[in-house]
Protein backbone atom coordinates (compact mmCIF):
# COMPACT_ATOMS: atom_id res chain seq x y z
CA UNK A 1 -3.86 11.26 23.05
CA UNK A 2 -2.89 8.07 21.62
CA UNK A 3 -6.41 6.87 20.80
CA UNK A 4 -7.68 9.94 19.05
CA UNK A 5 -4.88 9.97 16.96
CA UNK A 6 -5.66 6.10 15.94
CA UNK A 7 -9.23 6.81 15.82
CA UNK A 8 -8.62 10.18 13.30
CA UNK A 9 -5.96 7.95 11.17
CA UNK A 10 -8.83 5.59 9.74
CA UNK A 11 -12.12 7.50 10.47
CA UNK A 12 -14.88 8.34 7.94
CA UNK A 13 -14.21 12.12 7.87
CA UNK A 14 -10.77 12.80 6.79
CA UNK A 15 -8.50 16.05 7.04
CA UNK A 16 -5.39 16.07 5.08
CA UNK A 17 -3.41 15.37 8.30
CA UNK A 18 -4.87 11.92 8.88
CA UNK A 19 -4.47 11.35 4.97
CA UNK A 20 -0.61 12.22 5.07
CA UNK A 21 -0.17 9.98 8.08
CA UNK A 22 -2.15 6.95 6.66
CA UNK A 23 -0.06 7.05 3.80
CA UNK A 24 3.29 7.09 5.12
CA UNK A 25 2.31 3.96 8.00
CA UNK A 26 0.86 1.80 4.72
CA UNK A 27 3.79 3.02 2.58
CA UNK A 28 6.27 1.29 5.14
CA UNK A 29 3.91 -1.13 5.18
CA UNK A 30 4.09 -2.21 2.33
CA UNK A 31 7.59 -1.67 1.29
CA UNK A 32 8.58 -3.99 4.52
CA UNK A 33 5.93 -6.62 3.23
CA UNK A 34 7.01 -6.44 -0.73
CA UNK A 35 11.15 -6.87 0.10
CA UNK A 36 10.14 -9.36 2.58
CA UNK A 37 8.17 -11.45 0.08
CA UNK A 38 10.37 -11.51 -2.80
CA UNK A 39 13.06 -12.37 -0.47
CA UNK A 40 10.35 -15.14 0.69
CA UNK A 41 9.35 -15.95 -3.31
CA UNK A 42 11.86 -14.39 -5.32
CA UNK A 43 9.19 -12.32 -6.53
CA UNK A 44 7.89 -8.37 -6.15
CA UNK A 45 4.51 -8.59 -5.18
CA UNK A 46 3.53 -4.90 -5.23
CA UNK A 47 3.61 -3.81 -8.98
CA UNK A 48 1.57 -4.80 -11.69
CA UNK A 49 3.39 -3.51 -14.49
CA UNK A 50 5.86 -6.25 -14.06
CA UNK A 51 3.86 -9.11 -13.40
CA UNK A 52 1.75 -8.61 -16.39
CA UNK A 53 5.11 -8.13 -18.05
CA UNK A 54 5.56 -11.19 -16.88
CA UNK A 55 2.21 -12.36 -18.45
CA UNK A 56 3.49 -11.42 -22.04
CA UNK A 57 6.14 -13.11 -21.93
CA UNK A 58 6.18 -16.79 -20.53
CA UNK A 59 2.82 -16.78 -23.00
CA UNK A 60 4.81 -16.20 -25.60
CA UNK A 61 7.76 -18.66 -25.00
CA UNK A 62 5.19 -21.21 -22.96
CA UNK A 63 5.59 -21.55 -19.89
CA UNK A 64 2.47 -22.26 -18.46
CA UNK A 65 3.24 -23.26 -15.39
CA UNK A 66 4.53 -19.89 -14.61
CA UNK A 67 1.81 -17.73 -17.05
CA UNK A 68 -0.71 -19.61 -14.59
CA UNK A 69 0.99 -18.71 -11.85
CA UNK A 70 1.31 -14.84 -12.90
CA UNK A 71 -2.68 -14.93 -14.13
CA UNK A 72 -3.14 -16.32 -10.22
CA UNK A 73 -1.90 -13.01 -9.10
CA UNK A 74 -2.72 -10.80 -11.21
CA UNK A 75 -6.19 -11.75 -10.32
CA UNK A 76 -5.76 -11.98 -6.97
CA UNK A 77 -4.76 -7.76 -6.62
CA UNK A 78 -7.92 -7.22 -8.76
CA UNK A 79 -9.70 -9.36 -6.23
CA UNK A 80 -8.29 -7.55 -3.34
CA UNK A 81 -9.15 -4.20 -4.41
CA UNK A 82 -12.75 -5.17 -5.03
CA UNK A 83 -12.36 -6.67 -1.76
CA UNK A 84 -11.87 -3.68 0.05
CA UNK A 85 -14.14 -1.54 -1.78
CA UNK A 86 -17.03 -3.75 -0.93
CA UNK A 87 -15.91 -3.63 2.67
CA UNK A 88 -15.21 0.43 1.85
CA UNK A 89 -18.63 0.69 0.33
CA UNK A 90 -20.89 -1.74 3.07
CA UNK A 91 -19.24 0.34 5.61
CA UNK A 92 -20.14 3.67 4.56
CA UNK A 93 -24.35 2.56 3.71
CA UNK A 94 -24.21 1.72 7.76
CA UNK A 95 -21.76 5.08 8.67
CA UNK A 96 -19.56 2.28 10.67
CA UNK A 97 -16.49 3.92 11.94
CA UNK A 98 -14.25 1.49 10.56
CA UNK A 99 -15.35 1.39 6.87
CA UNK A 100 -11.75 2.10 5.81
CA UNK A 101 -10.70 -0.10 9.41
CA UNK A 102 -11.53 -3.15 8.51
CA UNK A 103 -10.00 -3.54 4.96
CA UNK A 104 -7.11 -3.02 7.89
CA UNK A 105 -7.82 -5.96 9.78
CA UNK A 106 -8.38 -7.87 7.50
CA UNK A 107 -4.88 -7.34 6.15
CA UNK A 108 -3.11 -7.68 9.22
CA UNK A 109 -4.89 -11.23 9.83
CA UNK A 110 -4.23 -12.58 6.32
CA UNK A 111 -0.16 -11.21 6.87
CA UNK A 112 -0.65 -12.66 10.76
CA UNK A 113 -1.65 -16.22 8.97
CA UNK A 114 1.62 -16.13 6.38
CA UNK A 115 4.20 -14.88 9.65
CA UNK A 116 3.24 -18.06 11.39
CA UNK A 117 2.44 -20.97 8.65
CA UNK A 118 5.01 -19.58 6.42
CA UNK A 119 8.00 -21.25 8.09
CA UNK A 120 5.49 -24.43 8.72
CA UNK A 121 4.64 -24.49 4.43
CA UNK A 122 8.17 -23.17 3.06
CA UNK A 123 9.09 -27.06 2.15
CA UNK A 124 6.13 -27.55 0.47
CA UNK A 125 7.45 -25.26 -2.34
CA UNK A 126 5.51 -26.31 -5.65
CA UNK A 127 2.42 -24.57 -4.52
CA UNK A 128 3.82 -23.06 -0.71
CA UNK A 129 4.98 -20.31 -4.04
CA UNK A 130 2.46 -19.87 -5.39
CA UNK A 131 0.03 -19.63 -3.37
CA UNK A 132 2.47 -16.63 -1.11
CA UNK A 133 2.37 -14.70 -4.45
CA UNK A 134 -1.33 -14.90 -4.86
CA UNK A 135 -1.47 -14.03 -0.99
CA UNK A 136 0.92 -10.46 -0.72
CA UNK A 137 -0.71 -9.87 -4.41
CA UNK A 138 -4.28 -10.01 -2.61
CA UNK A 139 -2.93 -8.11 -0.01
CA UNK A 140 -1.38 -5.64 -1.66
CA UNK A 141 -4.74 -4.81 -3.63
CA UNK A 142 -6.38 -4.51 -0.61
CA UNK A 143 -4.24 -1.75 0.68
CA UNK A 144 -3.60 0.10 -2.51
CA UNK A 145 -7.84 0.36 -3.13
CA UNK A 146 -8.15 1.25 0.58
CA UNK A 147 -5.40 4.44 0.53
CA UNK A 148 -6.31 5.27 -2.61
CA UNK A 149 -10.66 5.86 -1.94
CA UNK A 150 -9.69 7.13 1.35
CA UNK A 151 -7.15 9.72 0.03
CA UNK A 152 -9.56 10.47 -3.66
CA UNK A 153 -6.30 8.36 -5.80
CA UNK A 154 -4.23 11.61 -4.00
CA UNK A 155 -2.29 8.54 -2.33
CA UNK A 156 -0.65 5.14 -3.35
CA UNK A 157 1.12 3.44 -1.24
CA UNK A 158 2.58 -0.25 -2.48
CA UNK A 159 4.30 0.47 -5.33
CA UNK A 160 6.26 4.18 -7.04
CA UNK A 161 5.80 5.08 -10.33
CA UNK A 162 3.19 6.94 -9.83
CA UNK A 163 4.98 8.24 -7.02
CA UNK A 164 7.97 8.90 -9.00
CA UNK A 165 6.32 10.28 -12.08
CA UNK A 166 4.64 12.78 -10.13
CA UNK A 167 7.33 13.80 -8.35
CA UNK A 168 8.89 14.32 -11.29
CA UNK A 169 5.74 16.01 -12.17
CA UNK A 170 6.24 18.92 -9.31
CA UNK A 171 9.91 19.81 -9.82
CA UNK A 172 8.69 20.67 -13.12
CA UNK A 173 5.73 22.65 -11.45
CA UNK A 174 8.23 24.69 -9.49
CA UNK A 175 11.09 24.65 -11.97
CA UNK A 176 9.07 26.27 -14.59
CA UNK A 177 7.17 29.03 -12.10
CA UNK A 178 10.85 29.34 -10.92
CA UNK A 179 12.64 30.24 -14.12
CA UNK A 180 10.46 31.01 -16.22
CA UNK A 181 9.93 34.87 -18.05
CA UNK A 182 7.68 37.10 -16.36
CA UNK A 183 4.87 37.72 -18.83
CA UNK A 184 4.51 41.37 -18.35
CA UNK A 185 2.34 42.59 -15.77
CA UNK A 186 2.87 38.92 -14.65
CA UNK A 187 4.35 38.50 -10.41
CA UNK A 188 4.44 34.89 -8.75
CA UNK A 189 2.65 34.42 -6.00
CA UNK A 190 2.60 31.55 -3.24
CA UNK A 191 -0.49 29.90 -5.28
CA UNK A 192 1.17 29.01 -8.09
CA UNK A 193 4.32 27.43 -6.10
CA UNK A 194 3.58 26.72 -2.88
CA UNK A 195 1.02 23.97 -3.67
CA UNK A 196 3.51 22.40 -5.54
CA UNK A 197 6.29 22.51 -2.80
CA UNK A 198 3.62 20.34 -0.28
CA UNK A 199 2.64 17.64 -2.70
CA UNK A 200 6.49 17.81 -3.86
CA UNK A 201 7.18 16.80 0.09
CA UNK A 202 4.28 14.37 0.59
CA UNK A 203 5.48 12.41 -2.50
CA UNK A 204 9.22 12.53 -1.50
CA UNK A 205 8.34 10.95 2.31
CA UNK A 206 6.17 7.84 0.45
CA UNK A 207 8.82 7.20 -1.42
CA UNK A 208 11.11 6.97 1.68
CA UNK A 209 8.50 5.60 3.78
CA UNK A 210 7.99 2.27 0.69
CA UNK A 211 12.41 2.83 0.92
CA UNK A 212 12.98 2.38 4.47
CA UNK A 213 10.33 -0.18 4.98
CA UNK A 214 11.75 -1.91 2.37
CA UNK A 215 14.90 -2.51 4.06
CA UNK A 216 13.86 -3.14 7.29
CA UNK A 217 10.92 -5.83 5.72
CA UNK A 218 14.84 -7.40 3.92
CA UNK A 219 17.17 -7.49 7.15
CA UNK A 220 13.79 -8.82 8.90
CA UNK A 221 12.82 -11.62 6.46
CA UNK A 222 16.57 -12.46 7.46
CA UNK A 223 17.20 -12.72 10.93
CA UNK A 224 14.32 -14.64 11.90
CA UNK A 225 11.93 -15.14 8.50
CA UNK A 226 8.95 -15.44 7.96
CA UNK A 227 8.27 -14.01 12.08
CA UNK A 228 9.21 -10.43 10.85
CA UNK A 229 5.45 -10.06 8.88
CA UNK A 230 4.33 -10.52 13.14
CA UNK A 231 5.22 -6.75 14.06
CA UNK A 232 3.99 -5.96 10.37
CA UNK A 233 0.66 -7.56 11.09
CA UNK A 234 0.33 -6.19 14.32
CA UNK A 235 0.53 -2.18 13.33
CA UNK A 236 -2.57 -2.91 11.27
CA UNK A 237 -4.16 -3.93 13.49
CA UNK A 238 -3.28 -1.35 15.76
CA UNK A 239 -4.25 1.28 13.32
CA UNK A 240 -7.80 -0.66 12.34
CA UNK A 241 -8.62 -1.22 15.96
CA UNK A 242 -9.77 2.19 17.96
CA UNK A 243 -12.52 2.83 15.19
CA UNK A 244 -13.59 -1.08 15.15
CA UNK A 245 -14.55 -0.73 19.32
CA UNK A 246 -16.20 2.21 18.73
CA UNK A 247 -18.56 0.50 16.69
CA UNK A 248 -19.02 -2.22 18.32
CA UNK A 249 -20.34 0.62 21.74
CA UNK A 250 -21.99 2.31 19.75
CA UNK A 251 -24.25 -1.13 18.97
């Protein structure tokens, strides 16, 4: 049943399968937000490496406005991650069904507001661009902290540097166990190569979903502007809805 499937995706009781499916869905959303956000404000908002590097450049070059904007983006990402942690721990202490769904619902609401109001505020570029960057960084921090906690730091969805690094590591493991000379009496077993193969498939699928999300997000923003975020908000709303209803019914 679709309702049971949606319930399992964000249920406190985790399985490897539900983590994989949720991770792929959120990687697609993150890729779409990141690519669409770049077309909106000319800046990627999902990875902090570039923002911190830009902070150093702006400080040295004396670009005060850009420095403040970058610092705001970094703090917004941290605030989003902190908000997610607060929500999850609050729900966990009260044994709710929606401890992981609440951050997704907040993300959906923020994206919906961004999509509806963005086109009306775009003319006020001086304030709109920094506020938009901060909002999208907050959303990315919110999502990344949630999937990090839900998967015990095994899955990331908002940036791909770690994914690409881990893909290289798993390829190296497989090559080593397949090609390395065997020690006397040693035999290659499935336990040595299968975990690396399964993790490689997961990481590759996350990378692919992030890329596909970026393509769809860029095409959507190019076609309909800020309204392209509304389907993304709707998908997050759908992911979060069933556990929240379960809590309302229980109370």
